[in-house]
Amino acid sequence: MWALYAAGFTTAFGAHGIAASLGGASAGAVTSVLVLGGLLALYDGAEVVLKPLFGALADRVGARPVLLGGLVAFAGASALYVLVDDAGMLWAARLGQGAAASAFSPAASAMVSRLNPVTRQGRAFGGYGAAKSIGYTLGPLLGGVLVWAAGLRLLFGVLACLALAVAAWAARTVPPVPPLPRRRQTVADLVRRLTEPGFLRPTGALAAATAALSAGVGFLPVSGKAADLGPLVTGAAVSLLAGVAALVQPRTGRALDGGRLTTAAGLRGGLLLAASGLVFAVLPGLPGMLGAAILIGAGTGLITPLGFAALATATPRERLGQTMGAAELGRELGDAGGPLLVGGVAAAATLSWGFGALAGVIALPVLLAALMPRRDGPAER
């Protein structure tokens, strides 16, 4: 399991470590804000397109080859920019990293589920989510140190070595998980399965949590700057957000497996915590920033292991890769949609209204569910 957790750490560390360093460390390649936006979107864009495809491939050929191939490809893509330092190679390396992460991320999620019994799904995904949160936390910090020491190429070189080391570790310790016999699936079958409440509810919650997390990481520093807080304070607040998420996720998983928490109650609570954090972000100064970071981090920490465990228990084992890839697509849409909503409303009004708009979107399904009776789906336990 630790090698799989390390794979999750790798994709998170690579995504945030480079994203946080591109604007200030690659002046020759990043010539405008538009170019920076394109480089930032390239990684996520590749994941949106390719994760469902690689998830389905993992079901067909087995998750372990897709995991190992993706890690090796990530190392190769990272090495491109180490070997050739120019703008074109930076674009190619970033695109290659996104495509490779699209392979090993859903494969790792599927293996986390396949290698654990139903009674340990919460613990398994709690640990996996915590590893990714640690990567999100350390990426900007360690990435900044590496770039400060020797430039952006050193960071790409460290990522190449990290991915190769994790691939070797996984090849040595992760057992083969052969593909299971699958009933023929039509497009109608796939659409029906991906539109059932057992898929839509946890995936929607995962997308909402990622939207809140992404908006917090992107816009809390803007609030801090407006309140005359320095970059050290705002950076610490963002790291606190990811750190709280990392601490909460394993505890959430243990509570789920121990019967002390249900999926439905946990998802509702997580959504309300994340929405409350966005409301807290409206408050001026340091108290608003810290309160927002803690609440958004706690909400994300509740939702992530519960959402993935619910998907794993509601999905036929032979279709886990496909389901995890589709769920990751939902998270990527939340990752992009949250900042877009906040930024769009802030441009028309103020940043406070932007935070409030996203809080309303996240809390609305919980409020509507409280007003109407509903049946528990198979994912809720």
Protein backbone atom coordinates (compact mmCIF):
# COMPACT_ATOMS: atom_id res chain seq x y z
CA MET A 1 0.00 0.00 0.00
CA TRP A 2 2.82 2.44 0.74
CA ALA A 3 4.07 2.30 -2.84
CA LEU A 4 0.55 3.17 -4.03
CA TYR A 5 0.41 6.03 -1.54
CA ALA A 6 3.76 7.20 -2.92
CA ALA A 7 2.26 7.23 -6.42
CA GLY A 8 -0.53 9.49 -5.17
CA PHE A 9 2.06 11.74 -3.53
CA THR A 10 4.00 11.94 -6.80
CA THR A 11 1.14 13.24 -8.90
CA ALA A 12 0.13 15.79 -6.23
CA PHE A 13 3.70 16.96 -5.62
CA GLY A 14 4.36 17.28 -9.35
CA ALA A 15 1.14 19.15 -10.08
CA HIS A 16 1.43 21.77 -7.33
CA GLY A 17 5.21 21.96 -7.10
CA ILE A 18 5.62 23.03 -10.70
CA ALA A 19 2.42 25.09 -10.87
CA ALA A 20 3.54 27.19 -7.90
CA SER A 21 6.97 27.83 -9.47
CA LEU A 22 6.21 28.48 -13.13
CA GLY A 23 5.31 32.14 -12.81
CA GLY A 24 8.47 33.23 -11.03
CA ALA A 25 11.09 30.76 -12.22
CA SER A 26 10.74 30.49 -15.99
CA ALA A 27 10.80 34.03 -17.29
CA GLY A 28 12.22 32.93 -20.64
CA ALA A 29 9.36 30.52 -21.28
CA VAL A 30 6.49 32.29 -19.53
CA THR A 31 6.23 35.58 -21.40
CA SER A 32 2.71 36.59 -20.36
CA VAL A 33 -0.12 35.76 -18.00
CA LEU A 34 -1.88 34.05 -20.90
CA VAL A 35 1.09 31.74 -21.47
CA LEU A 36 1.21 30.97 -17.75
CA GLY A 37 -2.48 30.12 -17.78
CA GLY A 38 -1.96 27.81 -20.73
CA LEU A 39 0.87 25.96 -19.02
CA LEU A 40 -1.18 25.58 -15.85
CA ALA A 41 -4.20 24.31 -17.77
CA LEU A 42 -2.19 21.88 -19.90
CA TYR A 43 -1.65 19.39 -17.07
CA ASP A 44 -5.28 19.39 -15.94
CA GLY A 45 -6.55 19.38 -19.53
CA ALA A 46 -4.66 16.19 -20.29
CA GLU A 47 -6.12 14.59 -17.18
CA VAL A 48 -9.69 15.56 -18.07
CA VAL A 49 -9.39 13.92 -21.49
CA LEU A 50 -7.31 10.86 -20.64
CA LYS A 51 -8.18 9.66 -17.12
CA PRO A 52 -11.39 7.84 -18.12
CA LEU A 53 -9.55 6.19 -21.03
CA PHE A 54 -6.66 4.96 -18.90
CA GLY A 55 -9.09 3.84 -16.19
CA ALA A 56 -10.88 1.66 -18.72
CA LEU A 57 -7.51 0.35 -19.97
CA ALA A 58 -6.60 -0.65 -16.39
CA ASP A 59 -9.75 -2.78 -16.25
CA ARG A 60 -8.84 -4.44 -19.54
CA VAL A 61 -5.13 -5.23 -19.10
CA GLY A 62 -4.73 -4.94 -15.31
CA ALA A 63 -4.02 -1.89 -13.17
CA ARG A 64 -0.40 -2.74 -12.33
CA PRO A 65 1.01 -2.37 -15.90
CA VAL A 66 -0.83 0.94 -16.32
CA LEU A 67 0.49 2.14 -12.96
CA LEU A 68 4.11 1.24 -13.75
CA GLY A 69 3.92 2.51 -17.33
CA GLY A 70 2.45 5.82 -16.18
CA LEU A 71 5.16 6.35 -13.57
CA VAL A 72 7.94 5.60 -16.07
CA ALA A 73 6.31 7.92 -18.62
CA PHE A 74 6.07 10.66 -15.96
CA ALA A 75 9.78 10.29 -15.31
CA GLY A 76 10.53 10.49 -19.04
CA ALA A 77 8.36 13.58 -19.54
CA SER A 78 10.03 15.29 -16.58
CA ALA A 79 13.47 14.48 -17.98
CA LEU A 80 12.64 16.23 -21.28
CA TYR A 81 12.93 19.69 -19.74
CA VAL A 82 16.04 18.69 -17.79
CA LEU A 83 17.76 17.77 -21.06
CA VAL A 84 16.54 20.71 -23.16
CA ASP A 85 15.79 24.02 -21.47
CA ASP A 86 13.53 25.91 -23.86
CA ALA A 87 9.92 27.03 -24.05
CA GLY A 88 8.76 24.33 -26.45
CA MET A 89 10.21 21.54 -24.32
CA LEU A 90 8.57 22.99 -21.22
CA TRP A 91 5.17 22.73 -22.93
CA ALA A 92 5.94 19.18 -24.08
CA ALA A 93 7.14 18.12 -20.62
CA ARG A 94 4.08 19.55 -18.90
CA LEU A 95 1.73 17.87 -21.37
CA GLY A 96 3.59 14.57 -20.97
CA GLN A 97 3.39 14.78 -17.18
CA GLY A 98 -0.36 15.33 -17.32
CA ALA A 99 -0.86 12.43 -19.71
CA ALA A 100 1.29 10.12 -17.58
CA ALA A 101 -0.50 11.11 -14.37
CA SER A 102 -3.76 10.33 -16.17
CA ALA A 103 -2.54 6.74 -16.38
CA PHE A 104 -1.09 5.98 -12.97
CA SER A 105 -3.53 8.01 -10.85
CA PRO A 106 -6.77 6.06 -11.61
CA ALA A 107 -4.77 2.81 -11.74
CA ALA A 108 -3.44 3.47 -8.23
CA SER A 109 -6.98 4.27 -6.97
CA ALA A 110 -8.32 1.05 -8.46
CA MET A 111 -5.52 -0.99 -6.86
CA VAL A 112 -6.08 0.65 -3.48
CA SER A 113 -9.61 -0.72 -3.63
CA ARG A 114 -8.78 -4.15 -5.14
CA LEU A 115 -6.06 -4.89 -2.57
CA ASN A 116 -8.30 -4.17 0.43
CA PRO A 117 -11.49 -5.87 1.63
CA VAL A 118 -14.75 -3.97 1.82
CA THR A 119 -14.29 -3.50 5.57
CA ARG A 120 -11.03 -1.55 5.01
CA GLN A 121 -11.98 0.68 2.09
CA GLY A 122 -12.24 3.74 4.34
CA ARG A 123 -8.79 3.25 5.87
CA ALA A 124 -7.25 2.52 2.48
CA PHE A 125 -8.59 5.62 0.78
CA GLY A 126 -7.97 7.71 3.89
CA GLY A 127 -4.28 6.87 3.68
CA TYR A 128 -4.17 7.40 -0.07
CA GLY A 129 -5.90 10.77 0.19
CA ALA A 130 -3.61 11.84 3.03
CA ALA A 131 -0.56 11.05 0.91
CA LYS A 132 -1.91 13.21 -1.90
CA SER A 133 -2.67 16.03 0.54
CA ILE A 134 0.90 15.87 1.82
CA GLY A 135 2.05 16.18 -1.78
CA TYR A 136 -0.17 19.22 -2.27
CA THR A 137 1.27 20.72 0.93
CA LEU A 138 4.94 20.05 0.27
CA GLY A 139 4.85 20.70 -3.49
CA PRO A 140 4.93 24.52 -3.33
CA LEU A 141 7.29 24.52 -0.33
CA LEU A 142 9.91 22.01 -1.47
CA GLY A 143 9.45 23.01 -5.10
CA GLY A 144 10.19 26.60 -4.18
CA VAL A 145 13.36 25.57 -2.32
CA LEU A 146 14.59 23.49 -5.27
CA VAL A 147 13.88 26.25 -7.77
CA TRP A 148 15.57 28.80 -5.52
CA ALA A 149 18.64 26.56 -5.23
CA ALA A 150 19.18 25.71 -8.91
CA GLY A 151 16.23 26.67 -11.09
CA LEU A 152 13.21 24.93 -12.56
CA ARG A 153 15.26 22.18 -14.22
CA LEU A 154 16.31 20.84 -10.81
CA LEU A 155 12.66 20.48 -9.81
CA PHE A 156 11.91 18.56 -13.02
CA GLY A 157 14.96 16.39 -12.39
CA VAL A 158 13.85 15.58 -8.84
CA LEU A 159 10.39 14.64 -10.16
CA ALA A 160 11.96 12.33 -12.75
CA CYS A 161 14.00 10.57 -10.06
CA LEU A 162 11.00 10.40 -7.71
CA ALA A 163 8.76 8.80 -10.34
CA LEU A 164 11.43 6.23 -11.25
CA ALA A 165 12.00 5.38 -7.58
CA VAL A 166 8.26 4.93 -6.96
CA ALA A 167 7.97 2.79 -10.11
CA ALA A 168 10.79 0.53 -8.90
CA TRP A 169 9.23 0.36 -5.43
CA ALA A 170 5.82 -0.53 -6.85
CA ALA A 171 7.30 -3.13 -9.21
CA ARG A 172 8.99 -4.81 -6.24
CA THR A 173 6.21 -4.67 -3.64
CA VAL A 174 2.80 -4.28 -5.30
CA PRO A 175 1.37 -7.68 -6.30
CA PRO A 176 -0.21 -8.24 -9.71
CA VAL A 177 -3.94 -7.58 -9.80
CA PRO A 178 -5.18 -9.47 -12.87
CA PRO A 179 -8.20 -8.12 -14.74
CA LEU A 180 -11.47 -9.73 -13.78
CA PRO A 181 -13.87 -11.32 -16.27
CA ARG A 182 -16.21 -8.65 -17.57
CA ARG A 183 -19.69 -8.82 -18.96
CA ARG A 184 -20.03 -7.08 -22.30
CA GLN A 185 -20.92 -3.42 -21.70
CA THR A 186 -22.79 -1.24 -24.14
CA VAL A 187 -22.69 2.54 -24.21
CA ALA A 188 -26.18 2.55 -22.70
CA ASP A 189 -24.94 0.35 -19.82
CA LEU A 190 -22.07 2.75 -19.15
CA VAL A 191 -24.33 5.80 -19.23
CA ARG A 192 -26.81 4.10 -16.91
CA ARG A 193 -24.11 3.18 -14.40
CA LEU A 194 -22.56 6.66 -14.42
CA THR A 195 -25.93 8.34 -13.90
CA GLU A 196 -27.03 6.27 -10.92
CA PRO A 197 -27.13 7.98 -7.49
CA GLY A 198 -24.43 5.59 -6.25
CA PHE A 199 -22.02 7.26 -8.69
CA LEU A 200 -23.37 10.81 -8.95
CA ARG A 201 -23.61 11.59 -5.22
CA PRO A 202 -20.03 10.76 -4.19
CA THR A 203 -18.60 12.10 -7.45
CA GLY A 204 -20.51 15.36 -7.05
CA ALA A 205 -19.26 15.67 -3.48
CA LEU A 206 -15.67 15.01 -4.61
CA ALA A 207 -16.01 17.68 -7.32
CA ALA A 208 -17.42 20.18 -4.80
CA ALA A 209 -14.61 19.50 -2.31
CA THR A 210 -12.00 19.93 -5.02
CA ALA A 211 -13.65 23.16 -6.17
CA ALA A 212 -13.48 24.56 -2.62
CA LEU A 213 -9.88 23.41 -2.21
CA SER A 214 -8.77 24.88 -5.53
CA ALA A 215 -10.56 28.18 -4.89
CA GLY A 216 -9.02 28.41 -1.43
CA VAL A 217 -5.51 27.73 -2.70
CA GLY A 218 -5.92 30.23 -5.52
CA PHE A 219 -7.80 33.10 -3.86
CA LEU A 220 -6.92 33.06 -0.15
CA PRO A 221 -3.52 34.63 -1.01
CA VAL A 222 -5.42 37.39 -2.83
CA SER A 223 -7.45 38.07 0.31
CA GLY A 224 -4.26 38.05 2.35
CA LYS A 225 -2.58 40.56 0.07
CA ALA A 226 -5.61 42.85 0.28
CA ALA A 227 -5.30 42.68 4.09
CA ASP A 228 -1.56 43.58 3.88
CA LEU A 229 -0.47 40.10 4.98
CA GLY A 230 2.88 39.01 3.63
CA PRO A 231 3.50 36.03 1.31
CA LEU A 232 4.88 33.99 4.21
CA VAL A 233 1.58 34.26 6.11
CA THR A 234 -0.58 33.56 3.07
CA GLY A 235 1.62 30.62 2.06
CA ALA A 236 1.34 29.20 5.57
CA ALA A 237 -2.45 29.49 5.41
CA VAL A 238 -2.58 27.57 2.13
CA SER A 239 -0.29 24.90 3.57
CA LEU A 240 -2.52 24.72 6.66
CA LEU A 241 -5.50 23.95 4.41
CA ALA A 242 -3.78 20.97 2.81
CA GLY A 243 -2.27 19.89 6.12
CA VAL A 244 -5.67 19.74 7.85
CA ALA A 245 -7.01 17.67 4.96
CA ALA A 246 -4.09 15.25 5.36
CA LEU A 247 -4.75 14.85 9.09
CA VAL A 248 -8.52 14.39 8.78
CA GLN A 249 -8.60 11.79 5.99
CA PRO A 250 -7.11 8.75 7.81
CA ARG A 251 -9.33 9.41 10.84
CA THR A 252 -12.37 9.64 8.58
CA GLY A 253 -11.51 6.33 6.95
CA ARG A 254 -11.14 4.57 10.31
CA ALA A 255 -14.44 6.02 11.51
CA LEU A 256 -16.19 4.75 8.36
CA ASP A 257 -14.77 1.25 8.67
CA GLY A 258 -15.58 1.15 12.39
CA GLY A 259 -19.22 2.04 11.82
CA ARG A 260 -18.93 5.36 13.70
CA LEU A 261 -19.65 7.40 10.57
CA THR A 262 -21.94 6.81 7.61
CA THR A 263 -21.14 7.86 4.06
CA ALA A 264 -24.28 9.98 3.73
CA ALA A 265 -23.76 11.88 6.98
CA GLY A 266 -20.04 12.34 6.33
CA LEU A 267 -20.54 13.71 2.83
CA ARG A 268 -23.21 16.13 4.02
CA GLY A 269 -21.02 17.29 6.90
CA GLY A 270 -18.01 17.70 4.62
CA LEU A 271 -19.96 19.80 2.14
CA LEU A 272 -21.27 22.07 4.91
CA LEU A 273 -17.78 22.45 6.38
CA ALA A 274 -16.31 23.38 2.98
CA ALA A 275 -19.12 25.87 2.34
CA SER A 276 -18.64 27.35 5.83
CA GLY A 277 -14.93 27.76 5.10
CA LEU A 278 -15.71 29.78 1.98
CA VAL A 279 -18.06 31.97 4.03
CA PHE A 280 -15.28 32.41 6.60
CA ALA A 281 -12.99 33.60 3.81
CA VAL A 282 -15.17 36.69 3.50
CA LEU A 283 -14.00 37.86 6.94
CA PRO A 284 -11.10 40.31 6.74
CA GLY A 285 -7.58 39.66 7.90
CA LEU A 286 -5.84 36.68 9.44
CA PRO A 287 -8.83 35.22 11.36
CA GLY A 288 -10.80 34.84 8.14
CA MET A 289 -7.90 33.20 6.32
CA LEU A 290 -7.11 30.72 9.09
CA GLY A 291 -10.75 29.85 9.69
CA ALA A 292 -11.30 29.31 5.98
CA ALA A 293 -8.19 27.13 5.66
CA ILE A 294 -9.17 24.92 8.62
CA LEU A 295 -12.80 24.47 7.59
CA ILE A 296 -12.11 23.87 3.88
CA GLY A 297 -9.34 21.44 4.80
CA ALA A 298 -11.60 19.58 7.23
CA GLY A 299 -14.43 19.39 4.69
CA THR A 300 -12.09 18.08 2.01
CA GLY A 301 -10.64 15.58 4.47
CA LEU A 302 -14.09 14.23 5.23
CA ILE A 303 -15.34 14.00 1.66
CA THR A 304 -12.33 12.51 -0.14
CA PRO A 305 -12.02 9.07 1.54
CA LEU A 306 -15.79 8.73 1.94
CA GLY A 307 -16.42 9.55 -1.71
CA PHE A 308 -13.86 7.12 -3.07
CA ALA A 309 -14.83 4.36 -0.63
CA ALA A 310 -18.47 4.79 -1.65
CA LEU A 311 -17.57 4.53 -5.33
CA ALA A 312 -15.44 1.45 -4.69
CA THR A 313 -18.15 -0.40 -2.77
CA ALA A 314 -20.89 0.48 -5.30
CA THR A 315 -18.88 -0.47 -8.41
CA PRO A 316 -18.44 -3.96 -9.88
CA ARG A 317 -14.84 -4.95 -9.16
CA GLU A 318 -14.12 -5.55 -12.84
CA ARG A 319 -15.06 -1.91 -13.65
CA LEU A 320 -13.14 -0.15 -10.86
CA GLY A 321 -10.61 1.50 -13.18
CA GLN A 322 -13.31 2.93 -15.39
CA THR A 323 -15.25 4.26 -12.41
CA MET A 324 -12.19 5.79 -10.76
CA GLY A 325 -11.19 7.45 -14.02
CA ALA A 326 -14.67 8.91 -14.44
CA ALA A 327 -14.70 10.11 -10.82
CA GLU A 328 -11.29 11.72 -11.28
CA LEU A 329 -12.76 13.53 -14.29
CA GLY A 330 -15.44 14.93 -11.99
CA ARG A 331 -12.76 16.13 -9.59
CA GLU A 332 -10.84 17.82 -12.39
CA LEU A 333 -14.00 19.64 -13.48
CA GLY A 334 -14.43 20.84 -9.91
CA ASP A 335 -10.77 21.85 -9.81
CA ALA A 336 -11.33 24.09 -12.82
CA GLY A 337 -14.91 25.16 -12.13
CA GLY A 338 -14.39 26.41 -8.57
CA PRO A 339 -11.79 29.06 -9.40
CA LEU A 340 -13.66 30.01 -12.58
CA LEU A 341 -16.86 30.66 -10.63
CA VAL A 342 -15.12 32.63 -7.89
CA GLY A 343 -13.06 34.61 -10.38
CA GLY A 344 -16.02 35.34 -12.65
CA VAL A 345 -18.24 36.60 -9.83
CA ALA A 346 -15.34 38.54 -8.30
CA ALA A 347 -14.71 40.28 -11.62
CA ALA A 348 -18.35 41.37 -11.78
CA ALA A 349 -18.68 42.23 -8.07
CA THR A 350 -16.08 41.53 -5.35
CA LEU A 351 -14.05 38.54 -4.17
CA SER A 352 -16.35 38.20 -1.16
CA TRP A 353 -19.29 37.67 -3.49
CA GLY A 354 -17.21 35.09 -5.38
CA PHE A 355 -16.54 33.09 -2.23
CA GLY A 356 -20.21 33.37 -1.29
CA ALA A 357 -21.39 32.17 -4.69
CA LEU A 358 -19.26 29.01 -4.52
CA ALA A 359 -20.36 28.41 -0.91
CA GLY A 360 -23.98 28.57 -2.05
CA VAL A 361 -23.42 26.13 -4.90
CA ILE A 362 -21.72 23.63 -2.56
CA ALA A 363 -24.28 23.91 0.25
CA LEU A 364 -27.37 23.93 -1.98
CA PRO A 365 -27.60 20.12 -2.57
CA VAL A 366 -27.37 19.46 1.19
CA LEU A 367 -30.11 21.97 1.92
CA LEU A 368 -32.34 20.56 -0.82
CA ALA A 369 -31.78 17.00 0.41
CA ALA A 370 -32.80 18.06 3.91
CA LEU A 371 -36.12 19.35 2.57
CA MET A 372 -37.12 16.21 0.73
CA PRO A 373 -37.21 12.53 1.71
CA ARG A 374 -34.92 10.23 -0.19
CA ARG A 375 -33.86 6.60 -0.20
CA ASP A 376 -30.32 5.59 0.69
CA GLY A 377 -28.44 4.31 -2.33
CA PRO A 378 -26.08 1.35 -2.35
CA ALA A 379 -23.09 3.59 -1.74
CA GLU A 380 -24.39 4.82 1.60
CA ARG A 381 -23.66 2.77 4.67
